[in-house]
Amino acid sequence: MSSRFNLVPGETFASWLYRQSIFDPGTCFSLDQVSECFLRSSHVHIGDFDFDSSDPFVLECCQRLNVSSLMFSSMFAANGEWRIPRFYRRSFCYECFCSHIDGYAHPALLKDWSRTCYTVCTLHQFPMYDSAGEYGYKLDGAIELFKYYHAQGARLKASLHGAFQHPDEVLGLAAHAQTYLHCAEHEALGSGSRDARARWAFCKLLLEIFLYARYGLIYQFQGLPHYSGDSRPFRYRFHMGAITANVLQRRAAMIMLGYVMSVYRSDQIAALEQYLALSPISRLRLKDVRDVGRFSNVFSPSQSSVVAGQLKRYVGDLGIPSAVEFVAGFIQGRKIKSGWSDD
């Protein structure tokens, strides 16, 4: 295999497979053969073959390409991170694409980009972009994404660097909250302590509340795209908002999560206050974290009771006063009468 088609560090399996099958002149497994293999395997199992080392499609491809056990293990290292389902993955870092072109002659899709909490590239400290819709779900989308954004030049970059979307200070808030969430997830999956599990469960629940499909706090912001995903009943879509939201919506939710969890340093408080005062969230006139909780409760009374029960179960193990205030505001927001108090 040509070295230029070796695995890019952190690359997804599907991205590497596409690059070698269509661009490596020495490949023994062409794109047509890859497609045939996928169609055969899809009758057996349709999974997330970027992260499932037992997927029939993965196993046949690796066998055909004589992938070494070392390379296989690097592509499918065991993990249980919260990930966006394959069909909804569409975020990427433009700067990473540029460096991939220099080093590998073709942009690659990276595993971190599939993480729900990932909205800022940790390598370049650059905001993640979303793909143009027509290219968002293709296996060969990387090159089309790069071509689309590269062709737009300065005009597109100027529009993407709007005052709300990611000035340096706001991007710093999102990056800081992202680091906090990644640590929380890692500790919950690693140590398994009660406190670590409670913190991660509470953070996940916050994002699901903020990004609740169509009605959640983030969709009350002026200037952000409207929700366009699943509109099925609550029990189906409560967990879907956080994984179908676009990167701007997820970044806004991350910043608000950092506010609720009191994760920002003293030198970041001014940027947070400016964000609350000048960004699309300003129309809600939030005075404090309790207000964030009130405006976040967009559920019916019965749904509110279910969500409030989960929040109260986790928040007791956190010892974070601002999180307790959020829960109190959430309960106050729908005046829940099912035994929950404001204490």
Foldseek 3Di string as FASTA:
>chain_A
DDPLLPDDQQFFPLQSLQCCQDPPPPDPAHPVNLVVLVVVQVVVDDDQRRADLPRSSNVVVCVSRVPDPVSSCSSHPDDDAAFFGLQQQFKDDLVQQVVSCVRRVGHGHGPVSGHLLDQADPVVRHGIAGADVVLRRDSRSRRVRNVVVVVVPPVVVVVCPDPQQDDPLLSVLSVLLSVVLVVLRCCCVPVVDLLSVLVNLLLLLLLLLQQQAQQFVLQQFPPDDGGDDDDDDPVPRSNPRSNNDGSSSSSVSSSLSCQLQVRDDPVSVVVNVCSCCPGSVVVQVDDGLLSNLLSSQPDDLVVLVVSLVSLVVRVVSHPRVSSLSSSLSVCVNRVHDPPDDSD
